[in-house]
Amino acid sequence: MRPTAQFKKGVLDICVLYLLQYHDQYGYDLTQQVNKHIPITEGALYPSLRRLVKDGYCSTYLQESPSGPSRKYYHITNTGRIYLKEMLAEWDHFVTSFQQLREEADRDE
C-alpha cells in the first residue's frame, strides 16, 4: 500500500529536514533518498524546499559540479534544527496516540 498524496505532503518537510541534519544536499539527491522509502516525483520536493527556505529552516548556496552546471545545495539552519526537533516530538506523539487508538478499537471489537 502506498501513502496518499496528503500523507506524503504532510511528512515531506520532516523527511527533508531529517536528511539535511546530517549533511548539505542538493534537490535531486534529496529526492532520490526520500524516494527509496516514500514514492515521490522529483517535482514534489521542490515546493517543500522553497517553503523551508522561505520560512528560514534551510538556506541555499551554489557549488560547482564536476559533471555539469553548479548545483543548489540546501543547508539546515539552527532554526530548522529546532523546528525539526519539535516536529519529531509531535510526530512521535501522533504515532503513539494513533497506535493506542488502534489497540483500543481492536480490543473493543
N, C-alpha and C. Protein backbone atom coordinates (compact mmCIF):
# COMPACT_ATOMS: atom_id res chain seq x y z
N MET A 1 0.85 -1.18 0.00
CA MET A 1 0.00 0.00 0.00
C MET A 1 0.90 1.25 0.00
N ARG A 2 0.60 2.17 -0.87
CA ARG A 2 1.38 3.40 -0.98
C ARG A 2 0.67 4.54 -0.27
N PRO A 3 1.44 5.41 0.37
CA PRO A 3 0.82 6.55 1.06
C PRO A 3 0.15 7.48 0.06
N THR A 4 -0.94 8.08 0.46
CA THR A 4 -1.63 9.02 -0.41
C THR A 4 -0.85 10.32 -0.50
N ALA A 5 -1.25 11.14 -1.45
CA ALA A 5 -0.58 12.42 -1.66
C ALA A 5 -0.62 13.29 -0.41
N GLN A 6 -1.73 13.26 0.33
CA GLN A 6 -1.84 14.09 1.54
C GLN A 6 -0.88 13.62 2.62
N PHE A 7 -0.75 12.30 2.79
CA PHE A 7 0.21 11.78 3.75
C PHE A 7 1.61 12.23 3.38
N LYS A 8 1.94 12.07 2.12
CA LYS A 8 3.28 12.44 1.65
C LYS A 8 3.56 13.92 1.89
N LYS A 9 2.60 14.75 1.52
CA LYS A 9 2.80 16.19 1.67
C LYS A 9 3.01 16.55 3.14
N GLY A 10 2.31 15.86 4.02
CA GLY A 10 2.41 16.15 5.44
C GLY A 10 3.75 15.79 6.05
N VAL A 11 4.44 14.81 5.49
CA VAL A 11 5.70 14.37 6.09
C VAL A 11 6.93 14.77 5.28
N LEU A 12 6.75 15.35 4.13
CA LEU A 12 7.88 15.67 3.27
C LEU A 12 8.85 16.65 3.92
N ASP A 13 8.33 17.69 4.56
CA ASP A 13 9.21 18.67 5.22
C ASP A 13 10.06 18.00 6.28
N ILE A 14 9.45 17.15 7.09
CA ILE A 14 10.20 16.49 8.15
C ILE A 14 11.24 15.53 7.58
N CYS A 15 10.92 14.86 6.48
CA CYS A 15 11.89 13.98 5.82
C CYS A 15 13.09 14.77 5.33
N VAL A 16 12.84 15.89 4.68
CA VAL A 16 13.92 16.72 4.14
C VAL A 16 14.81 17.25 5.26
N LEU A 17 14.20 17.82 6.29
CA LEU A 17 14.99 18.36 7.39
C LEU A 17 15.77 17.26 8.10
N TYR A 18 15.16 16.10 8.23
CA TYR A 18 15.85 14.98 8.88
C TYR A 18 17.12 14.60 8.11
N LEU A 19 17.00 14.54 6.79
CA LEU A 19 18.17 14.20 5.97
C LEU A 19 19.22 15.31 5.99
N LEU A 20 18.77 16.55 5.99
CA LEU A 20 19.70 17.67 5.97
C LEU A 20 20.46 17.86 7.28
N GLN A 21 19.95 17.31 8.36
CA GLN A 21 20.65 17.49 9.64
C GLN A 21 22.02 16.81 9.62
N TYR A 22 22.22 15.86 8.71
CA TYR A 22 23.48 15.13 8.66
C TYR A 22 24.49 15.75 7.70
N HIS A 23 24.01 16.28 6.57
CA HIS A 23 24.89 16.99 5.65
C HIS A 23 24.08 17.70 4.59
N ASP A 24 24.67 18.75 4.04
CA ASP A 24 24.03 19.53 2.98
C ASP A 24 23.82 18.64 1.76
N GLN A 25 22.73 18.90 1.04
CA GLN A 25 22.43 18.11 -0.14
C GLN A 25 21.74 18.97 -1.18
N TYR A 26 21.76 18.50 -2.41
CA TYR A 26 21.04 19.20 -3.47
C TYR A 26 19.72 18.48 -3.72
N GLY A 27 18.81 19.15 -4.40
CA GLY A 27 17.44 18.67 -4.56
C GLY A 27 17.30 17.28 -5.13
N TYR A 28 18.03 16.99 -6.21
CA TYR A 28 17.89 15.68 -6.84
C TYR A 28 18.31 14.57 -5.89
N ASP A 29 19.39 14.78 -5.16
CA ASP A 29 19.87 13.79 -4.21
C ASP A 29 18.84 13.56 -3.10
N LEU A 30 18.26 14.64 -2.59
CA LEU A 30 17.22 14.51 -1.58
C LEU A 30 16.03 13.71 -2.11
N THR A 31 15.63 14.01 -3.35
CA THR A 31 14.52 13.28 -3.96
C THR A 31 14.81 11.79 -4.02
N GLN A 32 16.01 11.44 -4.43
CA GLN A 32 16.39 10.03 -4.53
C GLN A 32 16.35 9.34 -3.16
N GLN A 33 16.84 10.01 -2.15
CA GLN A 33 16.86 9.41 -0.82
C GLN A 33 15.46 9.21 -0.26
N VAL A 34 14.61 10.23 -0.40
CA VAL A 34 13.23 10.10 0.09
C VAL A 34 12.51 9.02 -0.71
N ASN A 35 12.75 9.00 -2.01
CA ASN A 35 12.05 8.08 -2.91
C ASN A 35 12.37 6.61 -2.62
N LYS A 36 13.47 6.34 -1.95
CA LYS A 36 13.79 4.97 -1.56
C LYS A 36 12.75 4.42 -0.59
N HIS A 37 12.10 5.31 0.15
CA HIS A 37 11.17 4.89 1.21
C HIS A 37 9.75 5.37 0.99
N ILE A 38 9.62 6.55 0.41
CA ILE A 38 8.31 7.15 0.15
C ILE A 38 8.29 7.58 -1.31
N PRO A 39 7.48 6.92 -2.13
CA PRO A 39 7.48 7.26 -3.56
C PRO A 39 7.02 8.70 -3.81
N ILE A 40 7.92 9.50 -4.38
CA ILE A 40 7.58 10.88 -4.75
C ILE A 40 8.18 11.16 -6.12
N THR A 41 7.63 12.15 -6.77
CA THR A 41 8.23 12.60 -8.02
C THR A 41 9.23 13.70 -7.69
N GLU A 42 10.16 13.93 -8.59
CA GLU A 42 11.17 14.96 -8.35
C GLU A 42 10.51 16.32 -8.13
N GLY A 43 9.48 16.60 -8.88
CA GLY A 43 8.80 17.89 -8.77
C GLY A 43 8.09 18.10 -7.45
N ALA A 44 7.77 17.01 -6.74
CA ALA A 44 7.05 17.13 -5.47
C ALA A 44 7.91 17.73 -4.38
N LEU A 45 9.20 17.56 -4.48
CA LEU A 45 10.10 18.00 -3.42
C LEU A 45 10.37 19.50 -3.45
N TYR A 46 10.43 20.09 -4.62
CA TYR A 46 10.86 21.48 -4.73
C TYR A 46 9.93 22.49 -4.07
N PRO A 47 8.61 22.32 -4.10
CA PRO A 47 7.77 23.25 -3.34
C PRO A 47 8.06 23.19 -1.84
N SER A 48 8.34 22.00 -1.35
CA SER A 48 8.69 21.85 0.06
C SER A 48 10.01 22.55 0.36
N LEU A 49 11.00 22.39 -0.50
CA LEU A 49 12.29 23.06 -0.30
C LEU A 49 12.14 24.58 -0.33
N ARG A 50 11.35 25.09 -1.27
CA ARG A 50 11.13 26.54 -1.34
C ARG A 50 10.49 27.06 -0.05
N ARG A 51 9.51 26.32 0.44
CA ARG A 51 8.81 26.71 1.66
C ARG A 51 9.77 26.69 2.87
N LEU A 52 10.61 25.64 2.95
CA LEU A 52 11.56 25.54 4.06
C LEU A 52 12.57 26.69 4.04
N VAL A 53 13.00 27.09 2.85
CA VAL A 53 13.92 28.22 2.72
C VAL A 53 13.20 29.51 3.10
N LYS A 54 12.00 29.71 2.58
CA LYS A 54 11.21 30.92 2.85
C LYS A 54 10.95 31.08 4.35
N ASP A 55 10.70 29.96 5.03
CA ASP A 55 10.41 30.01 6.46
C ASP A 55 11.66 30.07 7.33
N GLY A 56 12.84 30.03 6.71
CA GLY A 56 14.08 30.16 7.45
C GLY A 56 14.62 28.87 8.05
N TYR A 57 14.05 27.73 7.65
CA TYR A 57 14.51 26.45 8.19
C TYR A 57 15.69 25.89 7.40
N CYS A 58 15.89 26.40 6.20
CA CYS A 58 17.01 26.00 5.34
C CYS A 58 17.57 27.24 4.67
N SER A 59 18.81 27.13 4.26
CA SER A 59 19.41 28.15 3.40
C SER A 59 20.00 27.42 2.20
N THR A 60 20.38 28.17 1.19
CA THR A 60 20.93 27.56 -0.02
C THR A 60 22.25 28.21 -0.39
N TYR A 61 23.02 27.48 -1.16
CA TYR A 61 24.25 28.01 -1.74
C TYR A 61 24.55 27.21 -3.00
N LEU A 62 25.27 27.82 -3.92
CA LEU A 62 25.66 27.15 -5.16
C LEU A 62 27.04 26.55 -5.00
N GLN A 63 27.20 25.37 -5.58
CA GLN A 63 28.51 24.71 -5.58
C GLN A 63 28.74 24.12 -6.96
N GLU A 64 29.95 24.31 -7.45
CA GLU A 64 30.28 23.78 -8.77
C GLU A 64 30.15 22.26 -8.77
N SER A 65 29.72 21.75 -9.92
CA SER A 65 29.57 20.31 -10.09
C SER A 65 30.62 19.82 -11.09
N PRO A 66 31.24 18.69 -10.82
CA PRO A 66 32.23 18.17 -11.76
C PRO A 66 31.61 17.67 -13.07
N SER A 67 30.28 17.48 -13.04
CA SER A 67 29.62 16.91 -14.22
C SER A 67 28.51 17.80 -14.76
N GLY A 68 28.72 19.11 -14.82
CA GLY A 68 27.69 19.98 -15.39
C GLY A 68 27.62 21.30 -14.66
N PRO A 69 26.44 21.93 -14.72
CA PRO A 69 26.28 23.25 -14.10
C PRO A 69 26.35 23.17 -12.57
N SER A 70 26.53 24.33 -11.96
CA SER A 70 26.54 24.40 -10.50
C SER A 70 25.24 23.87 -9.94
N ARG A 71 25.33 23.31 -8.74
CA ARG A 71 24.14 22.76 -8.08
C ARG A 71 23.79 23.63 -6.87
N LYS A 72 22.48 23.74 -6.64
CA LYS A 72 22.00 24.46 -5.47
C LYS A 72 21.92 23.46 -4.31
N TYR A 73 22.68 23.72 -3.29
CA TYR A 73 22.69 22.87 -2.10
C TYR A 73 21.82 23.50 -1.01
N TYR A 74 21.23 22.63 -0.21
CA TYR A 74 20.38 23.05 0.90
C TYR A 74 21.07 22.72 2.21
N HIS A 75 20.98 23.66 3.14
CA HIS A 75 21.63 23.54 4.44
C HIS A 75 20.59 23.83 5.52
N ILE A 76 20.47 22.97 6.50
CA ILE A 76 19.53 23.22 7.60
C ILE A 76 20.09 24.31 8.50
N THR A 77 19.26 25.24 8.90
CA THR A 77 19.67 26.33 9.78
C THR A 77 19.45 25.92 11.24
N ASN A 78 19.94 26.73 12.15
CA ASN A 78 19.68 26.47 13.57
C ASN A 78 18.19 26.49 13.86
N THR A 79 17.48 27.42 13.23
CA THR A 79 16.02 27.47 13.36
C THR A 79 15.40 26.18 12.83
N GLY A 80 15.94 25.67 11.74
CA GLY A 80 15.45 24.42 11.16
C GLY A 80 15.69 23.24 12.08
N ARG A 81 16.82 23.24 12.77
CA ARG A 81 17.12 22.15 13.72
C ARG A 81 16.13 22.16 14.89
N ILE A 82 15.82 23.34 15.38
CA ILE A 82 14.83 23.47 16.46
C ILE A 82 13.47 23.01 15.97
N TYR A 83 13.09 23.47 14.77
CA TYR A 83 11.80 23.08 14.19
C TYR A 83 11.74 21.57 13.98
N LEU A 84 12.82 20.97 13.49
CA LEU A 84 12.86 19.53 13.29
C LEU A 84 12.65 18.80 14.61
N LYS A 85 13.32 19.24 15.65
CA LYS A 85 13.17 18.60 16.96
C LYS A 85 11.70 18.66 17.42
N GLU A 86 11.06 19.82 17.23
CA GLU A 86 9.65 19.98 17.60
C GLU A 86 8.76 19.07 16.75
N MET A 87 9.05 19.03 15.45
CA MET A 87 8.24 18.20 14.54
C MET A 87 8.39 16.72 14.86
N LEU A 88 9.59 16.28 15.19
CA LEU A 88 9.80 14.87 15.54
C LEU A 88 9.06 14.51 16.81
N ALA A 89 9.05 15.41 17.79
CA ALA A 89 8.31 15.16 19.02
C ALA A 89 6.82 15.07 18.73
N GLU A 90 6.30 15.98 17.91
CA GLU A 90 4.89 15.94 17.54
C GLU A 90 4.56 14.67 16.76
N TRP A 91 5.45 14.29 15.85
CA TRP A 91 5.24 13.07 15.05
C TRP A 91 5.19 11.84 15.95
N ASP A 92 6.16 11.73 16.87
CA ASP A 92 6.19 10.59 17.77
C ASP A 92 4.94 10.53 18.63
N HIS A 93 4.48 11.68 19.11
CA HIS A 93 3.25 11.73 19.91
C HIS A 93 2.05 11.30 19.06
N PHE A 94 1.99 11.78 17.83
CA PHE A 94 0.88 11.43 16.94
C PHE A 94 0.85 9.92 16.68
N VAL A 95 2.00 9.35 16.34
CA VAL A 95 2.07 7.92 16.03
C VAL A 95 1.69 7.09 17.25
N THR A 96 2.19 7.47 18.42
CA THR A 96 1.87 6.75 19.65
C THR A 96 0.36 6.84 19.94
N SER A 97 -0.20 8.02 19.80
CA SER A 97 -1.64 8.20 20.05
C SER A 97 -2.47 7.39 19.09
N PHE A 98 -2.09 7.39 17.81
CA PHE A 98 -2.83 6.63 16.82
C PHE A 98 -2.74 5.13 17.11
N GLN A 99 -1.56 4.68 17.50
CA GLN A 99 -1.39 3.26 17.83
C GLN A 99 -2.25 2.88 19.02
N GLN A 100 -2.35 3.75 20.02
CA GLN A 100 -3.21 3.48 21.17
C GLN A 100 -4.66 3.41 20.74
N LEU A 101 -5.08 4.31 19.86
CA LEU A 101 -6.45 4.29 19.34
C LEU A 101 -6.73 2.95 18.66
N ARG A 102 -5.81 2.51 17.82
CA ARG A 102 -5.99 1.23 17.11
C ARG A 102 -6.09 0.07 18.08
N GLU A 103 -5.21 0.06 19.06
CA GLU A 103 -5.21 -1.04 20.03
C GLU A 103 -6.51 -1.07 20.82
N GLU A 104 -7.00 0.10 21.26
CA GLU A 104 -8.25 0.16 22.00
C GLU A 104 -9.42 -0.27 21.11
N ALA A 105 -9.45 0.19 19.88
CA ALA A 105 -10.54 -0.18 18.97
C ALA A 105 -10.53 -1.67 18.69
N ASP A 106 -9.34 -2.25 18.49
CA ASP A 106 -9.24 -3.68 18.23
C ASP A 106 -9.69 -4.48 19.46
N ARG A 107 -9.36 -3.99 20.63
CA ARG A 107 -9.73 -4.67 21.87
C ARG A 107 -11.24 -4.65 22.07
N ASP A 108 -11.88 -3.55 21.67
CA ASP A 108 -13.32 -3.38 21.84
C ASP A 108 -14.14 -4.19 20.85
N GLU A 109 -13.51 -4.64 19.80
CA GLU A 109 -14.25 -5.41 18.76
C GLU A 109 -14.43 -6.82 19.15
